[in-house]
Amino acid sequence: MSPARIVLAALLLLAPGLASAQGWVERRTGQIQALDKVTARVTTLTATVGQPLRFGTLTILLRACHARPPDEVPDAAAFMEVSDSLAPPGAGPVFRGWMFAEAPAVNMLEHPVYDLRILSCR
């Protein structure tokens, strides 16, 4: 992870209000690309901040979604919590963290059946 991405993640996590001062704009919805590796089904989901969304056995909760202004290089950063209904009770989320549209490999869901990727925040 580049130093700029680390600073951005810390900024967004610790002080979401300062994110807009750094050129990021808060958004209410996020476009998520979901892949079921077993069926090879790719689905684009629209998630609203604060509302759980189901995909297969996953429950996706978008906590924050930020985008760059239209006059800058496009990018999106989303803080997500993902839980799996097949996980043992009390196991906690299978993913919790920031995902970046322009750097999907920086922080990704590691799951045997599903892949998730943030595409944009609107």
N, C-alpha and C. Protein backbone atom coordinates (compact mmCIF):
# COMPACT_ATOMS: atom_id res chain seq x y z
N MET A 1 0.85 -1.16 0.00
CA MET A 1 0.00 0.00 0.00
C MET A 1 0.90 1.23 0.00
N SER A 2 0.58 2.16 -0.89
CA SER A 2 1.41 3.36 -0.99
C SER A 2 1.19 4.25 0.24
N PRO A 3 2.17 5.08 0.55
CA PRO A 3 2.02 5.98 1.70
C PRO A 3 0.80 6.89 1.56
N ALA A 4 0.51 7.33 0.34
CA ALA A 4 -0.66 8.20 0.13
C ALA A 4 -1.95 7.47 0.46
N ARG A 5 -2.05 6.21 0.10
CA ARG A 5 -3.25 5.41 0.40
C ARG A 5 -3.39 5.18 1.90
N ILE A 6 -2.28 4.96 2.60
CA ILE A 6 -2.31 4.76 4.04
C ILE A 6 -2.81 6.03 4.72
N VAL A 7 -2.28 7.17 4.30
CA VAL A 7 -2.72 8.45 4.88
C VAL A 7 -4.20 8.67 4.60
N LEU A 8 -4.64 8.38 3.37
CA LEU A 8 -6.04 8.54 3.02
C LEU A 8 -6.93 7.65 3.88
N ALA A 9 -6.56 6.39 4.01
CA ALA A 9 -7.36 5.46 4.82
C ALA A 9 -7.45 5.94 6.27
N ALA A 10 -6.33 6.39 6.82
CA ALA A 10 -6.34 6.89 8.20
C ALA A 10 -7.19 8.15 8.31
N LEU A 11 -7.08 9.03 7.34
CA LEU A 11 -7.86 10.26 7.33
C LEU A 11 -9.34 9.95 7.28
N LEU A 12 -9.75 9.08 6.38
CA LEU A 12 -11.17 8.76 6.24
C LEU A 12 -11.71 8.02 7.45
N LEU A 13 -10.90 7.18 8.05
CA LEU A 13 -11.34 6.40 9.20
C LEU A 13 -11.43 7.25 10.46
N LEU A 14 -10.42 8.06 10.70
CA LEU A 14 -10.34 8.82 11.94
C LEU A 14 -11.08 10.15 11.91
N ALA A 15 -11.16 10.75 10.74
CA ALA A 15 -11.79 12.06 10.64
C ALA A 15 -12.53 12.20 9.32
N PRO A 16 -13.69 11.53 9.17
CA PRO A 16 -14.41 11.57 7.92
C PRO A 16 -14.73 12.98 7.45
N GLY A 17 -14.95 13.91 8.35
CA GLY A 17 -15.26 15.28 7.97
C GLY A 17 -14.11 15.97 7.25
N LEU A 18 -12.88 15.57 7.54
CA LEU A 18 -11.73 16.17 6.88
C LEU A 18 -11.53 15.64 5.48
N ALA A 19 -12.17 14.54 5.14
CA ALA A 19 -11.99 13.93 3.82
C ALA A 19 -12.38 14.90 2.72
N SER A 20 -13.46 15.66 2.91
CA SER A 20 -13.88 16.60 1.88
C SER A 20 -12.85 17.70 1.69
N ALA A 21 -12.13 18.06 2.74
CA ALA A 21 -11.09 19.07 2.63
C ALA A 21 -9.91 18.56 1.81
N GLN A 22 -9.78 17.26 1.70
CA GLN A 22 -8.69 16.67 0.94
C GLN A 22 -9.11 16.32 -0.49
N GLY A 23 -10.29 16.78 -0.92
CA GLY A 23 -10.73 16.52 -2.28
C GLY A 23 -11.65 15.33 -2.43
N TRP A 24 -12.06 14.73 -1.35
CA TRP A 24 -13.00 13.60 -1.39
C TRP A 24 -14.37 14.11 -0.99
N VAL A 25 -15.39 13.59 -1.67
CA VAL A 25 -16.77 14.01 -1.42
C VAL A 25 -17.56 12.81 -0.91
N GLU A 26 -18.27 13.01 0.21
CA GLU A 26 -19.11 11.92 0.74
C GLU A 26 -20.26 11.65 -0.20
N ARG A 27 -20.56 10.36 -0.38
CA ARG A 27 -21.68 9.94 -1.22
C ARG A 27 -22.56 9.00 -0.42
N ARG A 28 -23.81 8.81 -0.86
CA ARG A 28 -24.78 7.97 -0.15
C ARG A 28 -24.87 6.55 -0.68
N THR A 29 -24.46 6.32 -1.94
CA THR A 29 -24.56 4.98 -2.51
C THR A 29 -23.24 4.58 -3.15
N GLY A 30 -23.04 3.27 -3.23
CA GLY A 30 -21.85 2.73 -3.86
C GLY A 30 -22.22 1.62 -4.84
N GLN A 31 -21.52 1.58 -5.95
CA GLN A 31 -21.67 0.50 -6.91
C GLN A 31 -20.60 -0.54 -6.58
N ILE A 32 -21.05 -1.77 -6.32
CA ILE A 32 -20.15 -2.86 -5.94
C ILE A 32 -20.25 -3.96 -6.99
N GLN A 33 -19.11 -4.43 -7.46
CA GLN A 33 -19.09 -5.59 -8.35
C GLN A 33 -18.88 -6.83 -7.51
N ALA A 34 -19.80 -7.78 -7.63
CA ALA A 34 -19.74 -9.02 -6.86
C ALA A 34 -19.58 -10.19 -7.82
N LEU A 35 -18.67 -11.10 -7.48
CA LEU A 35 -18.41 -12.28 -8.29
C LEU A 35 -18.66 -13.52 -7.45
N ASP A 36 -19.48 -14.43 -7.97
CA ASP A 36 -19.65 -15.75 -7.38
C ASP A 36 -18.69 -16.65 -8.15
N LYS A 37 -17.62 -17.10 -7.52
CA LYS A 37 -16.58 -17.88 -8.20
C LYS A 37 -17.07 -19.26 -8.61
N VAL A 38 -18.09 -19.79 -7.97
CA VAL A 38 -18.60 -21.12 -8.30
C VAL A 38 -19.39 -21.09 -9.60
N THR A 39 -20.26 -20.09 -9.75
CA THR A 39 -21.11 -20.01 -10.94
C THR A 39 -20.55 -19.06 -11.99
N ALA A 40 -19.51 -18.31 -11.67
CA ALA A 40 -18.91 -17.30 -12.53
C ALA A 40 -19.90 -16.16 -12.82
N ARG A 41 -20.85 -15.96 -11.93
CA ARG A 41 -21.84 -14.90 -12.08
C ARG A 41 -21.26 -13.59 -11.54
N VAL A 42 -21.28 -12.56 -12.38
CA VAL A 42 -20.83 -11.23 -11.98
C VAL A 42 -22.07 -10.35 -11.89
N THR A 43 -22.22 -9.68 -10.76
CA THR A 43 -23.39 -8.84 -10.52
C THR A 43 -22.93 -7.48 -10.04
N THR A 44 -23.57 -6.43 -10.54
CA THR A 44 -23.32 -5.10 -10.03
C THR A 44 -24.43 -4.75 -9.05
N LEU A 45 -24.02 -4.46 -7.82
CA LEU A 45 -24.96 -4.16 -6.74
C LEU A 45 -24.91 -2.66 -6.42
N THR A 46 -26.05 -2.12 -6.03
CA THR A 46 -26.09 -0.75 -5.55
C THR A 46 -26.36 -0.81 -4.05
N ALA A 47 -25.41 -0.33 -3.28
CA ALA A 47 -25.52 -0.34 -1.82
C ALA A 47 -25.70 1.08 -1.32
N THR A 48 -26.59 1.23 -0.35
CA THR A 48 -26.82 2.51 0.30
C THR A 48 -26.10 2.50 1.64
N VAL A 49 -25.43 3.58 1.96
CA VAL A 49 -24.70 3.68 3.22
C VAL A 49 -25.65 3.40 4.39
N GLY A 50 -25.24 2.47 5.25
CA GLY A 50 -26.00 2.15 6.45
C GLY A 50 -27.08 1.10 6.28
N GLN A 51 -27.32 0.61 5.06
CA GLN A 51 -28.35 -0.39 4.84
C GLN A 51 -27.72 -1.70 4.37
N PRO A 52 -27.97 -2.81 5.09
CA PRO A 52 -27.40 -4.10 4.70
C PRO A 52 -27.91 -4.55 3.33
N LEU A 53 -27.05 -5.25 2.62
CA LEU A 53 -27.35 -5.76 1.28
C LEU A 53 -26.90 -7.20 1.21
N ARG A 54 -27.70 -8.08 0.63
CA ARG A 54 -27.35 -9.51 0.54
C ARG A 54 -26.84 -9.86 -0.85
N PHE A 55 -25.81 -10.72 -0.86
CA PHE A 55 -25.32 -11.34 -2.09
C PHE A 55 -24.89 -12.75 -1.70
N GLY A 56 -25.64 -13.75 -2.15
CA GLY A 56 -25.36 -15.12 -1.75
C GLY A 56 -25.47 -15.25 -0.24
N THR A 57 -24.43 -15.77 0.37
CA THR A 57 -24.42 -15.91 1.84
C THR A 57 -23.81 -14.69 2.52
N LEU A 58 -23.41 -13.69 1.75
CA LEU A 58 -22.78 -12.49 2.31
C LEU A 58 -23.81 -11.42 2.63
N THR A 59 -23.57 -10.70 3.70
CA THR A 59 -24.30 -9.48 4.01
C THR A 59 -23.28 -8.35 3.98
N ILE A 60 -23.52 -7.39 3.10
CA ILE A 60 -22.60 -6.28 2.89
C ILE A 60 -23.19 -5.03 3.52
N LEU A 61 -22.42 -4.39 4.39
CA LEU A 61 -22.85 -3.15 5.01
C LEU A 61 -21.86 -2.06 4.63
N LEU A 62 -22.32 -1.14 3.82
CA LEU A 62 -21.50 -0.02 3.39
C LEU A 62 -21.57 1.05 4.48
N ARG A 63 -20.45 1.32 5.14
CA ARG A 63 -20.41 2.29 6.24
C ARG A 63 -20.11 3.71 5.75
N ALA A 64 -19.31 3.82 4.69
CA ALA A 64 -18.95 5.13 4.14
C ALA A 64 -18.56 4.95 2.68
N CYS A 65 -18.83 5.97 1.89
CA CYS A 65 -18.46 5.93 0.48
C CYS A 65 -18.04 7.34 0.08
N HIS A 66 -16.83 7.47 -0.46
CA HIS A 66 -16.28 8.77 -0.84
C HIS A 66 -15.79 8.69 -2.28
N ALA A 67 -15.97 9.80 -3.01
CA ALA A 67 -15.53 9.87 -4.41
C ALA A 67 -14.77 11.16 -4.63
N ARG A 68 -13.98 11.15 -5.68
CA ARG A 68 -13.29 12.37 -6.08
C ARG A 68 -14.27 13.27 -6.82
N PRO A 69 -14.08 14.59 -6.76
CA PRO A 69 -14.93 15.51 -7.53
C PRO A 69 -14.78 15.23 -9.03
N PRO A 70 -15.78 15.63 -9.83
CA PRO A 70 -15.75 15.34 -11.28
C PRO A 70 -14.55 15.94 -12.02
N ASP A 71 -13.96 17.01 -11.50
CA ASP A 71 -12.84 17.65 -12.19
C ASP A 71 -11.49 17.02 -11.83
N GLU A 72 -11.49 15.94 -11.05
CA GLU A 72 -10.25 15.25 -10.69
C GLU A 72 -10.25 13.83 -11.25
N VAL A 73 -9.12 13.16 -11.11
CA VAL A 73 -9.00 11.78 -11.56
C VAL A 73 -10.03 10.93 -10.81
N PRO A 74 -10.86 10.17 -11.53
CA PRO A 74 -11.91 9.38 -10.85
C PRO A 74 -11.32 8.35 -9.89
N ASP A 75 -11.92 8.25 -8.73
CA ASP A 75 -11.56 7.23 -7.75
C ASP A 75 -12.69 7.17 -6.72
N ALA A 76 -12.77 6.06 -6.03
CA ALA A 76 -13.76 5.89 -4.97
C ALA A 76 -13.11 5.11 -3.85
N ALA A 77 -13.53 5.42 -2.63
CA ALA A 77 -13.07 4.71 -1.45
C ALA A 77 -14.29 4.39 -0.60
N ALA A 78 -14.43 3.12 -0.23
CA ALA A 78 -15.61 2.70 0.54
C ALA A 78 -15.17 1.88 1.74
N PHE A 79 -15.77 2.18 2.89
CA PHE A 79 -15.54 1.39 4.09
C PHE A 79 -16.69 0.40 4.19
N MET A 80 -16.37 -0.90 4.19
CA MET A 80 -17.38 -1.95 4.20
C MET A 80 -17.14 -2.94 5.31
N GLU A 81 -18.25 -3.50 5.80
CA GLU A 81 -18.22 -4.64 6.70
C GLU A 81 -19.00 -5.75 6.00
N VAL A 82 -18.38 -6.91 5.88
CA VAL A 82 -19.00 -8.04 5.19
C VAL A 82 -19.03 -9.23 6.14
N SER A 83 -20.21 -9.80 6.32
CA SER A 83 -20.34 -11.00 7.14
C SER A 83 -20.89 -12.13 6.27
N ASP A 84 -20.62 -13.36 6.69
CA ASP A 84 -21.04 -14.55 5.96
C ASP A 84 -21.97 -15.35 6.86
N SER A 85 -23.16 -15.68 6.36
CA SER A 85 -24.12 -16.43 7.17
C SER A 85 -23.65 -17.85 7.45
N LEU A 86 -22.66 -18.34 6.71
CA LEU A 86 -22.12 -19.68 6.95
C LEU A 86 -20.96 -19.70 7.93
N ALA A 87 -20.52 -18.53 8.37
CA ALA A 87 -19.43 -18.45 9.34
C ALA A 87 -19.93 -18.93 10.71
N PRO A 88 -19.06 -19.48 11.53
CA PRO A 88 -19.46 -19.91 12.88
C PRO A 88 -20.01 -18.73 13.69
N PRO A 89 -20.96 -19.00 14.58
CA PRO A 89 -21.50 -17.92 15.42
C PRO A 89 -20.39 -17.22 16.21
N GLY A 90 -20.45 -15.90 16.23
CA GLY A 90 -19.46 -15.12 16.97
C GLY A 90 -18.15 -14.94 16.23
N ALA A 91 -18.07 -15.38 14.98
CA ALA A 91 -16.82 -15.28 14.22
C ALA A 91 -16.51 -13.85 13.79
N GLY A 92 -17.50 -12.99 13.77
CA GLY A 92 -17.27 -11.62 13.33
C GLY A 92 -17.29 -11.51 11.83
N PRO A 93 -17.08 -10.31 11.31
CA PRO A 93 -17.13 -10.12 9.86
C PRO A 93 -15.97 -10.81 9.14
N VAL A 94 -16.21 -11.22 7.91
CA VAL A 94 -15.15 -11.82 7.10
C VAL A 94 -14.29 -10.74 6.46
N PHE A 95 -14.82 -9.50 6.44
CA PHE A 95 -14.05 -8.36 5.94
C PHE A 95 -14.55 -7.10 6.63
N ARG A 96 -13.62 -6.25 7.01
CA ARG A 96 -13.93 -4.92 7.52
C ARG A 96 -12.77 -4.03 7.13
N GLY A 97 -13.07 -3.03 6.31
CA GLY A 97 -12.01 -2.12 5.91
C GLY A 97 -12.37 -1.29 4.70
N TRP A 98 -11.37 -0.55 4.23
CA TRP A 98 -11.53 0.32 3.07
C TRP A 98 -11.19 -0.44 1.81
N MET A 99 -11.97 -0.21 0.77
CA MET A 99 -11.66 -0.69 -0.58
C MET A 99 -11.54 0.53 -1.48
N PHE A 100 -10.61 0.46 -2.43
CA PHE A 100 -10.36 1.56 -3.35
C PHE A 100 -10.64 1.10 -4.77
N ALA A 101 -11.42 1.88 -5.52
CA ALA A 101 -11.80 1.51 -6.88
C ALA A 101 -10.57 1.41 -7.80
N GLU A 102 -9.66 2.34 -7.67
CA GLU A 102 -8.50 2.36 -8.57
C GLU A 102 -7.35 1.48 -8.10
N ALA A 103 -7.49 0.86 -6.94
CA ALA A 103 -6.45 -0.04 -6.43
C ALA A 103 -7.14 -1.21 -5.71
N PRO A 104 -7.87 -2.05 -6.45
CA PRO A 104 -8.65 -3.11 -5.79
C PRO A 104 -7.81 -4.13 -5.03
N ALA A 105 -6.56 -4.31 -5.41
CA ALA A 105 -5.72 -5.30 -4.74
C ALA A 105 -5.13 -4.80 -3.42
N VAL A 106 -5.27 -3.51 -3.13
CA VAL A 106 -4.70 -2.95 -1.91
C VAL A 106 -5.32 -3.59 -0.67
N ASN A 107 -6.62 -3.71 -0.64
CA ASN A 107 -7.32 -4.28 0.50
C ASN A 107 -8.56 -4.97 -0.04
N MET A 108 -8.54 -6.29 -0.07
CA MET A 108 -9.64 -7.00 -0.71
C MET A 108 -10.21 -8.09 0.18
N LEU A 109 -11.44 -8.48 -0.13
CA LEU A 109 -12.10 -9.57 0.56
C LEU A 109 -11.41 -10.87 0.16
N GLU A 110 -11.01 -11.66 1.13
CA GLU A 110 -10.43 -12.98 0.86
C GLU A 110 -11.46 -14.02 1.28
N HIS A 111 -12.19 -14.54 0.30
CA HIS A 111 -13.27 -15.48 0.55
C HIS A 111 -13.19 -16.59 -0.49
N PRO A 112 -13.45 -17.84 -0.11
CA PRO A 112 -13.32 -18.94 -1.08
C PRO A 112 -14.37 -18.93 -2.19
N VAL A 113 -15.52 -18.30 -1.97
CA VAL A 113 -16.60 -18.35 -2.95
C VAL A 113 -16.85 -17.00 -3.63
N TYR A 114 -16.65 -15.89 -2.92
CA TYR A 114 -17.04 -14.58 -3.44
C TYR A 114 -15.87 -13.61 -3.52
N ASP A 115 -15.96 -12.71 -4.49
CA ASP A 115 -15.07 -11.55 -4.60
C ASP A 115 -15.95 -10.31 -4.64
N LEU A 116 -15.51 -9.25 -3.99
CA LEU A 116 -16.21 -7.98 -4.04
C LEU A 116 -15.22 -6.90 -4.43
N ARG A 117 -15.73 -5.89 -5.16
CA ARG A 117 -14.90 -4.77 -5.55
C ARG A 117 -15.77 -3.52 -5.62
N ILE A 118 -15.30 -2.43 -5.05
CA ILE A 118 -16.03 -1.16 -5.15
C ILE A 118 -15.74 -0.58 -6.54
N LEU A 119 -16.77 -0.15 -7.23
CA LEU A 119 -16.62 0.44 -8.56
C LEU A 119 -16.69 1.96 -8.51
N SER A 120 -17.68 2.47 -7.76
CA SER A 120 -17.86 3.91 -7.68
C SER A 120 -18.73 4.27 -6.48
N CYS A 121 -18.70 5.54 -6.13
CA CYS A 121 -19.58 6.08 -5.10
C CYS A 121 -20.35 7.22 -5.73
N ARG A 122 -21.67 7.23 -5.50
CA ARG A 122 -22.53 8.25 -6.14
C ARG A 122 -23.41 8.93 -5.14
